[in-house]
């Protein structure tokens, strides 16, 4: 098992999860984070840190797309290990439907 980041992270990117990860397995895109499935140690400490509930175990049904996306972009985006200030408008995007189709960007973020 590993954890994945789903589409609710898009445009929210609170990064609280990054700060508690003991193995630094988060990677940063322009407007979301992903978890590297081969680096995640399944500890789950990141889950309660995400205020938008965007982190789930990959054993939850229907997450195959997100496991693939996390694996793909963890190999392309820079590693992030330090928490940043939240985007000012993050709350307006929390829970919005179809965020992947509307906002996802394959561009890398800054990383740490």
PDB file of N, CA and C in Angstrom:
ATOM      1  N   UNK A   1       0.838  -1.185   0.000  1.00  0.00           N
ATOM      2  CA  UNK A   1       0.000   0.000   0.000  1.00  0.00           C
ATOM      3  C   UNK A   1       0.884   1.250   0.000  1.00  0.00           C
ATOM      4  N   UNK A   2       0.362   2.295  -0.579  1.00  0.00           N
ATOM      5  CA  UNK A   2       0.981   3.614  -0.543  1.00  0.00           C
ATOM      6  C   UNK A   2      -0.150   4.635  -0.447  1.00  0.00           C
ATOM      7  N   UNK A   3       0.203   5.854  -0.260  1.00  0.00           N
ATOM      8  CA  UNK A   3      -0.789   6.928  -0.254  1.00  0.00           C
ATOM      9  C   UNK A   3      -0.674   7.688  -1.563  1.00  0.00           C
ATOM     10  N   UNK A   4      -1.766   8.291  -1.976  1.00  0.00           N
ATOM     11  CA  UNK A   4      -1.794   9.086  -3.196  1.00  0.00           C
ATOM     12  C   UNK A   4      -2.412  10.449  -2.887  1.00  0.00           C
ATOM     13  N   UNK A   5      -2.136  11.397  -3.747  1.00  0.00           N
ATOM     14  CA  UNK A   5      -2.776  12.708  -3.682  1.00  0.00           C
ATOM     15  C   UNK A   5      -3.798  12.735  -4.797  1.00  0.00           C
ATOM     16  N   UNK A   6      -5.032  13.137  -4.464  1.00  0.00           N
ATOM     17  CA  UNK A   6      -6.095  13.197  -5.467  1.00  0.00           C
ATOM     18  C   UNK A   6      -6.325  14.627  -5.948  1.00  0.00           C
ATOM     19  N   UNK A   7      -7.337  14.812  -6.773  1.00  0.00           N
ATOM     20  CA  UNK A   7      -7.558  16.113  -7.415  1.00  0.00           C
ATOM     21  C   UNK A   7      -7.985  17.229  -6.482  1.00  0.00           C
ATOM     22  N   UNK A   8      -8.370  16.935  -5.253  1.00  0.00           N
ATOM     23  CA  UNK A   8      -8.740  18.043  -4.377  1.00  0.00           C
ATOM     24  C   UNK A   8      -7.527  18.881  -3.983  1.00  0.00           C
ATOM     25  N   UNK A   9      -6.328  18.372  -4.204  1.00  0.00           N
ATOM     26  CA  UNK A   9      -5.121  19.158  -3.943  1.00  0.00           C
ATOM     27  C   UNK A   9      -4.940  20.266  -4.990  1.00  0.00           C
ATOM     28  N   UNK A  10      -5.447  20.041  -6.178  1.00  0.00           N
ATOM     29  CA  UNK A  10      -5.270  21.011  -7.258  1.00  0.00           C
ATOM     30  C   UNK A  10      -5.814  22.379  -6.853  1.00  0.00           C
ATOM     31  N   UNK A  11      -4.971  23.380  -6.975  1.00  0.00           N
ATOM     32  CA  UNK A  11      -5.258  24.781  -6.662  1.00  0.00           C
ATOM     33  C   UNK A  11      -5.369  25.042  -5.165  1.00  0.00           C
ATOM     34  N   UNK A  12      -5.281  24.009  -4.307  1.00  0.00           N
ATOM     35  CA  UNK A  12      -5.288  24.198  -2.853  1.00  0.00           C
ATOM     36  C   UNK A  12      -3.860  24.166  -2.324  1.00  0.00           C
ATOM     37  N   UNK A  13      -3.116  23.139  -2.653  1.00  0.00           N
ATOM     38  CA  UNK A  13      -1.698  22.964  -2.346  1.00  0.00           C
ATOM     39  C   UNK A  13      -1.290  23.573  -0.994  1.00  0.00           C
ATOM     40  N   UNK A  14      -1.814  23.030   0.074  1.00  0.00           N
ATOM     41  CA  UNK A  14      -1.545  23.606   1.390  1.00  0.00           C
ATOM     42  C   UNK A  14      -0.168  23.256   1.944  1.00  0.00           C
ATOM     43  N   UNK A  15       0.465  22.222   1.499  1.00  0.00           N
ATOM     44  CA  UNK A  15       1.818  21.745   1.846  1.00  0.00           C
ATOM     45  C   UNK A  15       2.038  21.392   3.319  1.00  0.00           C
ATOM     46  N   UNK A  16       1.010  21.366   4.141  1.00  0.00           N
ATOM     47  CA  UNK A  16       1.168  20.948   5.539  1.00  0.00           C
ATOM     48  C   UNK A  16       1.685  19.511   5.604  1.00  0.00           C
ATOM     49  N   UNK A  17       1.263  18.692   4.665  1.00  0.00           N
ATOM     50  CA  UNK A  17       1.639  17.283   4.596  1.00  0.00           C
ATOM     51  C   UNK A  17       3.135  17.098   4.398  1.00  0.00           C
ATOM     52  N   UNK A  18       3.732  17.964   3.636  1.00  0.00           N
ATOM     53  CA  UNK A  18       5.145  17.875   3.290  1.00  0.00           C
ATOM     54  C   UNK A  18       6.019  17.960   4.536  1.00  0.00           C
ATOM     55  N   UNK A  19       5.650  18.827   5.432  1.00  0.00           N
ATOM     56  CA  UNK A  19       6.440  19.090   6.628  1.00  0.00           C
ATOM     57  C   UNK A  19       6.544  17.875   7.560  1.00  0.00           C
ATOM     58  N   UNK A  20       5.536  17.022   7.579  1.00  0.00           N
ATOM     59  CA  UNK A  20       5.537  15.877   8.502  1.00  0.00           C
ATOM     60  C   UNK A  20       6.052  14.586   7.874  1.00  0.00           C
ATOM     61  N   UNK A  21       6.262  14.567   6.582  1.00  0.00           N
ATOM     62  CA  UNK A  21       6.675  13.337   5.903  1.00  0.00           C
ATOM     63  C   UNK A  21       8.095  12.949   6.316  1.00  0.00           C
ATOM     64  N   UNK A  22       8.260  11.758   6.919  1.00  0.00           N
ATOM     65  CA  UNK A  22       9.593  11.357   7.379  1.00  0.00           C
ATOM     66  C   UNK A  22      10.541  10.918   6.264  1.00  0.00           C
ATOM     67  N   UNK A  23      10.026  10.676   5.072  1.00  0.00           N
ATOM     68  CA  UNK A  23      10.882  10.212   3.969  1.00  0.00           C
ATOM     69  C   UNK A  23      10.907  11.155   2.776  1.00  0.00           C
ATOM     70  N   UNK A  24      10.312  12.331   2.911  1.00  0.00           N
ATOM     71  CA  UNK A  24      10.340  13.360   1.859  1.00  0.00           C
ATOM     72  C   UNK A  24       9.901  12.820   0.502  1.00  0.00           C
ATOM     73  N   UNK A  25       8.724  12.205   0.461  1.00  0.00           N
ATOM     74  CA  UNK A  25       8.260  11.584  -0.786  1.00  0.00           C
ATOM     75  C   UNK A  25       7.243  12.427  -1.555  1.00  0.00           C
ATOM     76  N   UNK A  26       7.155  13.729  -1.235  1.00  0.00           N
ATOM     77  CA  UNK A  26       6.241  14.616  -1.959  1.00  0.00           C
ATOM     78  C   UNK A  26       6.985  15.351  -3.064  1.00  0.00           C
ATOM     79  N   UNK A  27       6.283  15.531  -4.182  1.00  0.00           N
ATOM     80  CA  UNK A  27       6.837  16.227  -5.335  1.00  0.00           C
ATOM     81  C   UNK A  27       5.848  17.297  -5.762  1.00  0.00           C
ATOM     82  N   UNK A  28       6.392  18.416  -6.240  1.00  0.00           N
ATOM     83  CA  UNK A  28       5.563  19.596  -6.468  1.00  0.00           C
ATOM     84  C   UNK A  28       5.388  19.947  -7.935  1.00  0.00           C
ATOM     85  N   UNK A  29       4.117  20.036  -8.328  1.00  0.00           N
ATOM     86  CA  UNK A  29       3.769  20.549  -9.634  1.00  0.00           C
ATOM     87  C   UNK A  29       3.376  22.006  -9.513  1.00  0.00           C
ATOM     88  N   UNK A  30       3.020  22.595 -10.623  1.00  0.00           N
ATOM     89  CA  UNK A  30       2.640  24.004 -10.632  1.00  0.00           C
ATOM     90  C   UNK A  30       1.461  24.290  -9.701  1.00  0.00           C
ATOM     91  N   UNK A  31       0.496  23.332  -9.635  1.00  0.00           N
ATOM     92  CA  UNK A  31      -0.668  23.616  -8.796  1.00  0.00           C
ATOM     93  C   UNK A  31      -1.179  22.423  -7.986  1.00  0.00           C
ATOM     94  N   UNK A  32      -0.323  21.424  -7.763  1.00  0.00           N
ATOM     95  CA  UNK A  32      -0.675  20.313  -6.879  1.00  0.00           C
ATOM     96  C   UNK A  32       0.581  19.568  -6.469  1.00  0.00           C
ATOM     97  N   UNK A  33       0.435  18.700  -5.495  1.00  0.00           N
ATOM     98  CA  UNK A  33       1.510  17.825  -5.047  1.00  0.00           C
ATOM     99  C   UNK A  33       1.179  16.398  -5.434  1.00  0.00           C
ATOM    100  N   UNK A  34       2.201  15.542  -5.482  1.00  0.00           N
ATOM    101  CA  UNK A  34       2.004  14.101  -5.653  1.00  0.00           C
ATOM    102  C   UNK A  34       2.936  13.383  -4.683  1.00  0.00           C
ATOM    103  N   UNK A  35       2.630  12.125  -4.433  1.00  0.00           N
ATOM    104  CA  UNK A  35       3.455  11.267  -3.585  1.00  0.00           C
ATOM    105  C   UNK A  35       4.114  10.213  -4.468  1.00  0.00           C
ATOM    106  N   UNK A  36       5.407  10.019  -4.266  1.00  0.00           N
ATOM    107  CA  UNK A  36       6.115   8.983  -5.021  1.00  0.00           C
ATOM    108  C   UNK A  36       5.773   7.636  -4.383  1.00  0.00           C
ATOM    109  N   UNK A  37       5.061   6.761  -5.098  1.00  0.00           N
ATOM    110  CA  UNK A  37       4.605   5.506  -4.493  1.00  0.00           C
ATOM    111  C   UNK A  37       5.721   4.554  -4.085  1.00  0.00           C
ATOM    112  N   UNK A  38       6.890   4.653  -4.701  1.00  0.00           N
ATOM    113  CA  UNK A  38       8.001   3.778  -4.332  1.00  0.00           C
ATOM    114  C   UNK A  38       8.787   4.310  -3.132  1.00  0.00           C
ATOM    115  N   UNK A  39       8.556   5.549  -2.773  1.00  0.00           N
ATOM    116  CA  UNK A  39       9.260   6.144  -1.639  1.00  0.00           C
ATOM    117  C   UNK A  39       8.400   6.206  -0.382  1.00  0.00           C
ATOM    118  N   UNK A  40       7.095   6.240  -0.553  1.00  0.00           N
ATOM    119  CA  UNK A  40       6.161   6.315   0.569  1.00  0.00           C
ATOM    120  C   UNK A  40       6.295   5.058   1.430  1.00  0.00           C
ATOM    121  N   UNK A  41       6.379   5.247   2.748  1.00  0.00           N
ATOM    122  CA  UNK A  41       6.515   4.105   3.657  1.00  0.00           C
ATOM    123  C   UNK A  41       5.191   3.754   4.331  1.00  0.00           C
ATOM    124  N   UNK A  42       4.107   4.310   3.834  1.00  0.00           N
ATOM    125  CA  UNK A  42       2.764   3.972   4.307  1.00  0.00           C
ATOM    126  C   UNK A  42       2.519   4.309   5.777  1.00  0.00           C
ATOM    127  N   UNK A  43       3.183   5.322   6.282  1.00  0.00           N
ATOM    128  CA  UNK A  43       3.015   5.673   7.691  1.00  0.00           C
ATOM    129  C   UNK A  43       1.715   6.419   7.958  1.00  0.00           C
ATOM    130  N   UNK A  44       1.231   7.168   6.967  1.00  0.00           N
ATOM    131  CA  UNK A  44      -0.043   7.864   7.095  1.00  0.00           C
ATOM    132  C   UNK A  44      -0.018   9.155   7.887  1.00  0.00           C
ATOM    133  N   UNK A  45       1.147   9.633   8.319  1.00  0.00           N
ATOM    134  CA  UNK A  45       1.174  10.866   9.107  1.00  0.00           C
ATOM    135  C   UNK A  45       0.733  12.097   8.311  1.00  0.00           C
ATOM    136  N   UNK A  46       0.801  12.016   7.007  1.00  0.00           N
ATOM    137  CA  UNK A  46       0.406  13.142   6.163  1.00  0.00           C
ATOM    138  C   UNK A  46      -1.116  13.303   6.065  1.00  0.00           C
ATOM    139  N   UNK A  47      -1.836  12.219   6.207  1.00  0.00           N
ATOM    140  CA  UNK A  47      -3.288  12.240   5.979  1.00  0.00           C
ATOM    141  C   UNK A  47      -4.011  13.263   6.846  1.00  0.00           C
ATOM    142  N   UNK A  48      -3.837  13.261   8.172  1.00  0.00           N
ATOM    143  CA  UNK A  48      -4.566  14.232   8.984  1.00  0.00           C
ATOM    144  C   UNK A  48      -4.076  15.673   8.815  1.00  0.00           C
ATOM    145  N   UNK A  49      -2.912  15.857   8.206  1.00  0.00           N
ATOM    146  CA  UNK A  49      -2.367  17.206   8.005  1.00  0.00           C
ATOM    147  C   UNK A  49      -3.009  17.934   6.834  1.00  0.00           C
ATOM    148  N   UNK A  50      -3.662  17.200   5.946  1.00  0.00           N
ATOM    149  CA  UNK A  50      -4.252  17.812   4.755  1.00  0.00           C
ATOM    150  C   UNK A  50      -5.648  18.349   5.079  1.00  0.00           C
ATOM    151  N   UNK A  51      -5.817  19.670   5.077  1.00  0.00           N
ATOM    152  CA  UNK A  51      -7.116  20.249   5.429  1.00  0.00           C
ATOM    153  C   UNK A  51      -8.198  20.045   4.363  1.00  0.00           C
ATOM    154  N   UNK A  52      -7.799  19.604   3.168  1.00  0.00           N
ATOM    155  CA  UNK A  52      -8.771  19.405   2.095  1.00  0.00           C
ATOM    156  C   UNK A  52      -9.010  17.924   1.800  1.00  0.00           C
ATOM    157  N   UNK A  53      -8.447  17.060   2.640  1.00  0.00           N
ATOM    158  CA  UNK A  53      -8.629  15.612   2.519  1.00  0.00           C
ATOM    159  C   UNK A  53      -8.276  15.093   1.126  1.00  0.00           C
ATOM    160  N   UNK A  54      -7.122  15.526   0.636  1.00  0.00           N
ATOM    161  CA  UNK A  54      -6.677  15.139  -0.703  1.00  0.00           C
ATOM    162  C   UNK A  54      -5.728  13.948  -0.697  1.00  0.00           C
ATOM    163  N   UNK A  55      -5.452  13.378   0.474  1.00  0.00           N
ATOM    164  CA  UNK A  55      -4.531  12.241   0.560  1.00  0.00           C
ATOM    165  C   UNK A  55      -5.325  11.012   0.986  1.00  0.00           C
ATOM    166  N   UNK A  56      -5.184   9.945   0.203  1.00  0.00           N
ATOM    167  CA  UNK A  56      -5.907   8.704   0.461  1.00  0.00           C
ATOM    168  C   UNK A  56      -4.989   7.502   0.288  1.00  0.00           C
ATOM    169  N   UNK A  57      -5.315   6.393   0.973  1.00  0.00           N
ATOM    170  CA  UNK A  57      -4.554   5.165   0.700  1.00  0.00           C
ATOM    171  C   UNK A  57      -4.929   4.639  -0.679  1.00  0.00           C
ATOM    172  N   UNK A  58      -3.971   4.083  -1.382  1.00  0.00           N
ATOM    173  CA  UNK A  58      -4.254   3.593  -2.732  1.00  0.00           C
ATOM    174  C   UNK A  58      -5.151   2.363  -2.734  1.00  0.00           C
ATOM    175  N   UNK A  59      -5.466   1.839  -1.566  1.00  0.00           N
ATOM    176  CA  UNK A  59      -6.366   0.695  -1.476  1.00  0.00           C
ATOM    177  C   UNK A  59      -7.834   1.112  -1.537  1.00  0.00           C
ATOM    178  N   UNK A  60      -8.110   2.420  -1.421  1.00  0.00           N
ATOM    179  CA  UNK A  60      -9.490   2.889  -1.592  1.00  0.00           C
ATOM    180  C   UNK A  60      -9.908   2.618  -3.035  1.00  0.00           C
ATOM    181  N   UNK A  61     -11.139   2.201  -3.262  1.00  0.00           N
ATOM    182  CA  UNK A  61     -11.576   1.882  -4.630  1.00  0.00           C
ATOM    183  C   UNK A  61     -11.585   3.095  -5.556  1.00  0.00           C
ATOM    184  N   UNK A  62     -11.269   2.832  -6.823  1.00  0.00           N
ATOM    185  CA  UNK A  62     -11.369   3.851  -7.862  1.00  0.00           C
ATOM    186  C   UNK A  62     -10.210   4.823  -7.945  1.00  0.00           C
ATOM    187  N   UNK A  63      -9.086   4.508  -7.331  1.00  0.00           N
ATOM    188  CA  UNK A  63      -7.973   5.451  -7.326  1.00  0.00           C
ATOM    189  C   UNK A  63      -6.838   5.084  -8.283  1.00  0.00           C
ATOM    190  N   UNK A  64      -7.081   4.153  -9.170  1.00  0.00           N
ATOM    191  CA  UNK A  64      -6.040   3.712 -10.089  1.00  0.00           C
ATOM    192  C   UNK A  64      -5.462   4.870 -10.902  1.00  0.00           C
ATOM    193  N   UNK A  65      -6.339   5.744 -11.395  1.00  0.00           N
ATOM    194  CA  UNK A  65      -5.905   6.906 -12.175  1.00  0.00           C
ATOM    195  C   UNK A  65      -4.962   7.776 -11.351  1.00  0.00           C
ATOM    196  N   UNK A  66      -5.271   7.950 -10.079  1.00  0.00           N
ATOM    197  CA  UNK A  66      -4.465   8.823  -9.230  1.00  0.00           C
ATOM    198  C   UNK A  66      -3.140   8.176  -8.840  1.00  0.00           C
ATOM    199  N   UNK A  67      -3.134   6.876  -8.688  1.00  0.00           N
ATOM    200  CA  UNK A  67      -1.880   6.179  -8.420  1.00  0.00           C
ATOM    201  C   UNK A  67      -0.945   6.336  -9.619  1.00  0.00           C
ATOM    202  N   UNK A  68      -1.472   6.183 -10.817  1.00  0.00           N
ATOM    203  CA  UNK A  68      -0.671   6.353 -12.033  1.00  0.00           C
ATOM    204  C   UNK A  68      -0.167   7.785 -12.173  1.00  0.00           C
ATOM    205  N   UNK A  69      -1.040   8.754 -11.918  1.00  0.00           N
ATOM    206  CA  UNK A  69      -0.658  10.162 -12.031  1.00  0.00           C
ATOM    207  C   UNK A  69       0.417  10.505 -11.010  1.00  0.00           C
ATOM    208  N   UNK A  70       0.254  10.046  -9.762  1.00  0.00           N
ATOM    209  CA  UNK A  70       1.263  10.306  -8.731  1.00  0.00           C
ATOM    210  C   UNK A  70       2.605   9.714  -9.139  1.00  0.00           C
ATOM    211  N   UNK A  71       2.608   8.480  -9.602  1.00  0.00           N
ATOM    212  CA  UNK A  71       3.852   7.819 -10.008  1.00  0.00           C
ATOM    213  C   UNK A  71       4.507   8.547 -11.185  1.00  0.00           C
ATOM    214  N   UNK A  72       3.716   8.918 -12.172  1.00  0.00           N
ATOM    215  CA  UNK A  72       4.267   9.595 -13.350  1.00  0.00           C
ATOM    216  C   UNK A  72       4.904  10.924 -13.000  1.00  0.00           C
ATOM    217  N   UNK A  73       4.176  11.771 -12.273  1.00  0.00           N
ATOM    218  CA  UNK A  73       4.687  13.118 -12.032  1.00  0.00           C
ATOM    219  C   UNK A  73       5.703  13.189 -10.900  1.00  0.00           C
ATOM    220  N   UNK A  74       5.733  12.205 -10.017  1.00  0.00           N
ATOM    221  CA  UNK A  74       6.794  12.158  -9.005  1.00  0.00           C
ATOM    222  C   UNK A  74       8.141  11.966  -9.690  1.00  0.00           C
ATOM    223  N   UNK A  75       8.134  11.356 -10.856  1.00  0.00           N
ATOM    224  CA  UNK A  75       9.356  11.179 -11.621  1.00  0.00           C
ATOM    225  C   UNK A  75       9.741  12.385 -12.452  1.00  0.00           C
ATOM    226  N   UNK A  76       8.853  13.372 -12.548  1.00  0.00           N
ATOM    227  CA  UNK A  76       9.106  14.551 -13.386  1.00  0.00           C
ATOM    228  C   UNK A  76       9.232  15.850 -12.593  1.00  0.00           C
ATOM    229  N   UNK A  77       8.573  15.914 -11.459  1.00  0.00           N
ATOM    230  CA  UNK A  77       8.532  17.159 -10.689  1.00  0.00           C
ATOM    231  C   UNK A  77       9.594  17.167  -9.602  1.00  0.00           C
ATOM    232  N   UNK A  78       9.983  18.354  -9.121  1.00  0.00           N
ATOM    233  CA  UNK A  78      10.988  18.440  -8.062  1.00  0.00           C
ATOM    234  C   UNK A  78      10.426  18.055  -6.693  1.00  0.00           C
ATOM    235  N   UNK A  79      11.308  17.539  -5.873  1.00  0.00           N
ATOM    236  CA  UNK A  79      10.965  17.156  -4.507  1.00  0.00           C
ATOM    237  C   UNK A  79      10.712  18.413  -3.677  1.00  0.00           C
ATOM    238  N   UNK A  80       9.723  18.331  -2.788  1.00  0.00           N
ATOM    239  CA  UNK A  80       9.441  19.430  -1.871  1.00  0.00           C
ATOM    240  C   UNK A  80       9.475  18.870  -0.452  1.00  0.00           C
ATOM    241  N   UNK A  81      10.209  19.542   0.414  1.00  0.00           N
ATOM    242  CA  UNK A  81      10.383  19.056   1.782  1.00  0.00           C
ATOM    243  C   UNK A  81      10.009  20.081   2.842  1.00  0.00           C
ATOM    244  N   UNK A  82       9.706  21.300   2.422  1.00  0.00           N
ATOM    245  CA  UNK A  82       9.381  22.353   3.376  1.00  0.00           C
ATOM    246  C   UNK A  82       8.004  22.942   3.084  1.00  0.00           C
ATOM    247  N   UNK A  83       7.276  23.199   4.159  1.00  0.00           N
ATOM    248  CA  UNK A  83       5.944  23.801   4.020  1.00  0.00           C
ATOM    249  C   UNK A  83       6.079  25.249   3.558  1.00  0.00           C
ATOM    250  N   UNK A  84       5.125  25.650   2.728  1.00  0.00           N
ATOM    251  CA  UNK A  84       5.043  27.033   2.250  1.00  0.00           C
ATOM    252  C   UNK A  84       3.726  27.640   2.709  1.00  0.00           C
ATOM    253  N   UNK A  85       3.620  28.933   2.570  1.00  0.00           N
ATOM    254  CA  UNK A  85       2.356  29.596   2.849  1.00  0.00           C
ATOM    255  C   UNK A  85       1.302  29.074   1.885  1.00  0.00           C
ATOM    256  N   UNK A  86       0.110  28.941   2.373  1.00  0.00           N
ATOM    257  CA  UNK A  86      -0.995  28.470   1.528  1.00  0.00           C
ATOM    258  C   UNK A  86      -1.373  29.542   0.509  1.00  0.00           C
ATOM    259  N   UNK A  87      -1.849  29.115  -0.668  1.00  0.00           N
ATOM    260  CA  UNK A  87      -2.352  30.116  -1.621  1.00  0.00           C
ATOM    261  C   UNK A  87      -3.501  30.895  -0.969  1.00  0.00           C
ATOM    262  N   UNK A  88      -3.577  32.161  -1.240  1.00  0.00           N
ATOM    263  CA  UNK A  88      -4.597  33.010  -0.605  1.00  0.00           C
ATOM    264  C   UNK A  88      -6.020  32.558  -0.920  1.00  0.00           C
ATOM    265  N   UNK A  89      -6.222  31.998  -2.090  1.00  0.00           N
ATOM    266  CA  UNK A  89      -7.573  31.609  -2.511  1.00  0.00           C
ATOM    267  C   UNK A  89      -7.831  30.103  -2.392  1.00  0.00           C
ATOM    268  N   UNK A  90      -7.001  29.372  -1.644  1.00  0.00           N
ATOM    269  CA  UNK A  90      -7.101  27.912  -1.607  1.00  0.00           C
ATOM    270  C   UNK A  90      -8.474  27.427  -1.176  1.00  0.00           C
ATOM    271  N   UNK A  91      -9.122  28.103  -0.247  1.00  0.00           N
ATOM    272  CA  UNK A  91     -10.407  27.626   0.268  1.00  0.00           C
ATOM    273  C   UNK A  91     -11.522  27.672  -0.771  1.00  0.00           C
ATOM    274  N   UNK A  92     -11.443  28.574  -1.719  1.00  0.00           N
ATOM    275  CA  UNK A  92     -12.493  28.650  -2.728  1.00  0.00           C
ATOM    276  C   UNK A  92     -12.486  27.432  -3.651  1.00  0.00           C
ATOM    277  N   UNK A  93     -11.360  26.725  -3.726  1.00  0.00           N
ATOM    278  CA  UNK A  93     -11.258  25.546  -4.585  1.00  0.00           C
ATOM    279  C   UNK A  93     -11.504  24.232  -3.842  1.00  0.00           C
ATOM    280  N   UNK A  94     -11.535  24.274  -2.520  1.00  0.00           N
ATOM    281  CA  UNK A  94     -11.729  23.065  -1.723  1.00  0.00           C
ATOM    282  C   UNK A  94     -13.077  22.427  -2.041  1.00  0.00           C
ATOM    283  N   UNK A  95     -13.042  21.187  -2.489  1.00  0.00           N
ATOM    284  CA  UNK A  95     -14.269  20.442  -2.774  1.00  0.00           C
ATOM    285  C   UNK A  95     -14.872  20.689  -4.144  1.00  0.00           C
ATOM    286  N   UNK A  96     -14.289  21.572  -4.922  1.00  0.00           N
ATOM    287  CA  UNK A  96     -14.822  21.835  -6.264  1.00  0.00           C
ATOM    288  C   UNK A  96     -14.728  20.563  -7.119  1.00  0.00           C
ATOM    289  N   UNK A  97     -15.714  20.314  -7.902  1.00  0.00           N
ATOM    290  CA  UNK A  97     -15.765  19.138  -8.770  1.00  0.00           C
ATOM    291  C   UNK A  97     -14.974  19.373 -10.058  1.00  0.00           C
ATOM    292  N   UNK A  98     -14.469  18.285 -10.635  1.00  0.00           N
ATOM    293  CA  UNK A  98     -13.787  18.305 -11.939  1.00  0.00           C
ATOM    294  C   UNK A  98     -12.563  19.215 -11.981  1.00  0.00           C
ATOM    295  N   UNK A  99     -11.851  19.294 -10.883  1.00  0.00           N
ATOM    296  CA  UNK A  99     -10.673  20.158 -10.837  1.00  0.00           C
ATOM    297  C   UNK A  99      -9.571  19.688 -11.788  1.00  0.00           C
ATOM    298  N   UNK A 100      -9.435  18.388 -11.960  1.00  0.00           N
ATOM    299  CA  UNK A 100      -8.407  17.890 -12.871  1.00  0.00           C
ATOM    300  C   UNK A 100      -8.663  18.409 -14.285  1.00  0.00           C
ATOM    301  N   UNK A 101      -9.863  18.273 -14.757  1.00  0.00           N
ATOM    302  CA  UNK A 101     -10.213  18.706 -16.114  1.00  0.00           C
ATOM    303  C   UNK A 101     -10.103  20.219 -16.263  1.00  0.00           C
ATOM    304  N   UNK A 102     -10.401  20.961 -15.220  1.00  0.00           N
ATOM    305  CA  UNK A 102     -10.405  22.422 -15.294  1.00  0.00           C
ATOM    306  C   UNK A 102      -9.024  23.054 -15.104  1.00  0.00           C
ATOM    307  N   UNK A 103      -8.234  22.508 -14.162  1.00  0.00           N
ATOM    308  CA  UNK A 103      -7.056  23.243 -13.721  1.00  0.00           C
ATOM    309  C   UNK A 103      -5.718  22.506 -13.737  1.00  0.00           C
ATOM    310  N   UNK A 104      -5.708  21.202 -13.874  1.00  0.00           N
ATOM    311  CA  UNK A 104      -4.443  20.474 -13.736  1.00  0.00           C
ATOM    312  C   UNK A 104      -3.383  21.000 -14.702  1.00  0.00           C
ATOM    313  N   UNK A 105      -2.170  21.155 -14.182  1.00  0.00           N
ATOM    314  CA  UNK A 105      -1.035  21.572 -15.002  1.00  0.00           C
ATOM    315  C   UNK A 105       0.076  20.541 -14.848  1.00  0.00           C
ATOM    316  N   UNK A 106       0.635  20.066 -15.952  1.00  0.00           N
ATOM    317  CA  UNK A 106       1.753  19.132 -15.883  1.00  0.00           C
ATOM    318  C   UNK A 106       3.098  19.819 -15.620  1.00  0.00           C
ATOM    319  N   UNK A 107       3.096  21.137 -15.524  1.00  0.00           N
ATOM    320  CA  UNK A 107       4.341  21.874 -15.319  1.00  0.00           C
ATOM    321  C   UNK A 107       4.869  21.642 -13.902  1.00  0.00           C
ATOM    322  N   UNK A 108       6.177  21.603 -13.744  1.00  0.00           N
ATOM    323  CA  UNK A 108       6.753  21.423 -12.422  1.00  0.00           C
ATOM    324  C   UNK A 108       6.611  22.664 -11.553  1.00  0.00           C
ATOM    325  N   UNK A 109       6.650  22.436 -10.253  1.00  0.00           N
ATOM    326  CA  UNK A 109       6.663  23.535  -9.295  1.00  0.00           C
ATOM    327  C   UNK A 109       8.099  23.925  -8.980  1.00  0.00           C
ATOM    328  N   UNK A 110       8.284  24.645  -7.877  1.00  0.00           N
ATOM    329  CA  UNK A 110       9.604  25.124  -7.487  1.00  0.00           C
ATOM    330  C   UNK A 110      10.440  24.068  -6.767  1.00  0.00           C
ATOM    331  N   UNK A 111       9.781  23.223  -5.986  1.00  0.00           N
ATOM    332  CA  UNK A 111      10.524  22.278  -5.162  1.00  0.00           C
ATOM    333  C   UNK A 111      11.213  22.985  -4.008  1.00  0.00           C
ATOM    334  N   UNK A 112      11.978  22.242  -3.238  1.00  0.00           N
ATOM    335  CA  UNK A 112      12.686  22.838  -2.099  1.00  0.00           C
ATOM    336  C   UNK A 112      14.137  23.107  -2.446  1.00  0.00           C
TER     337      UNK A 112
END
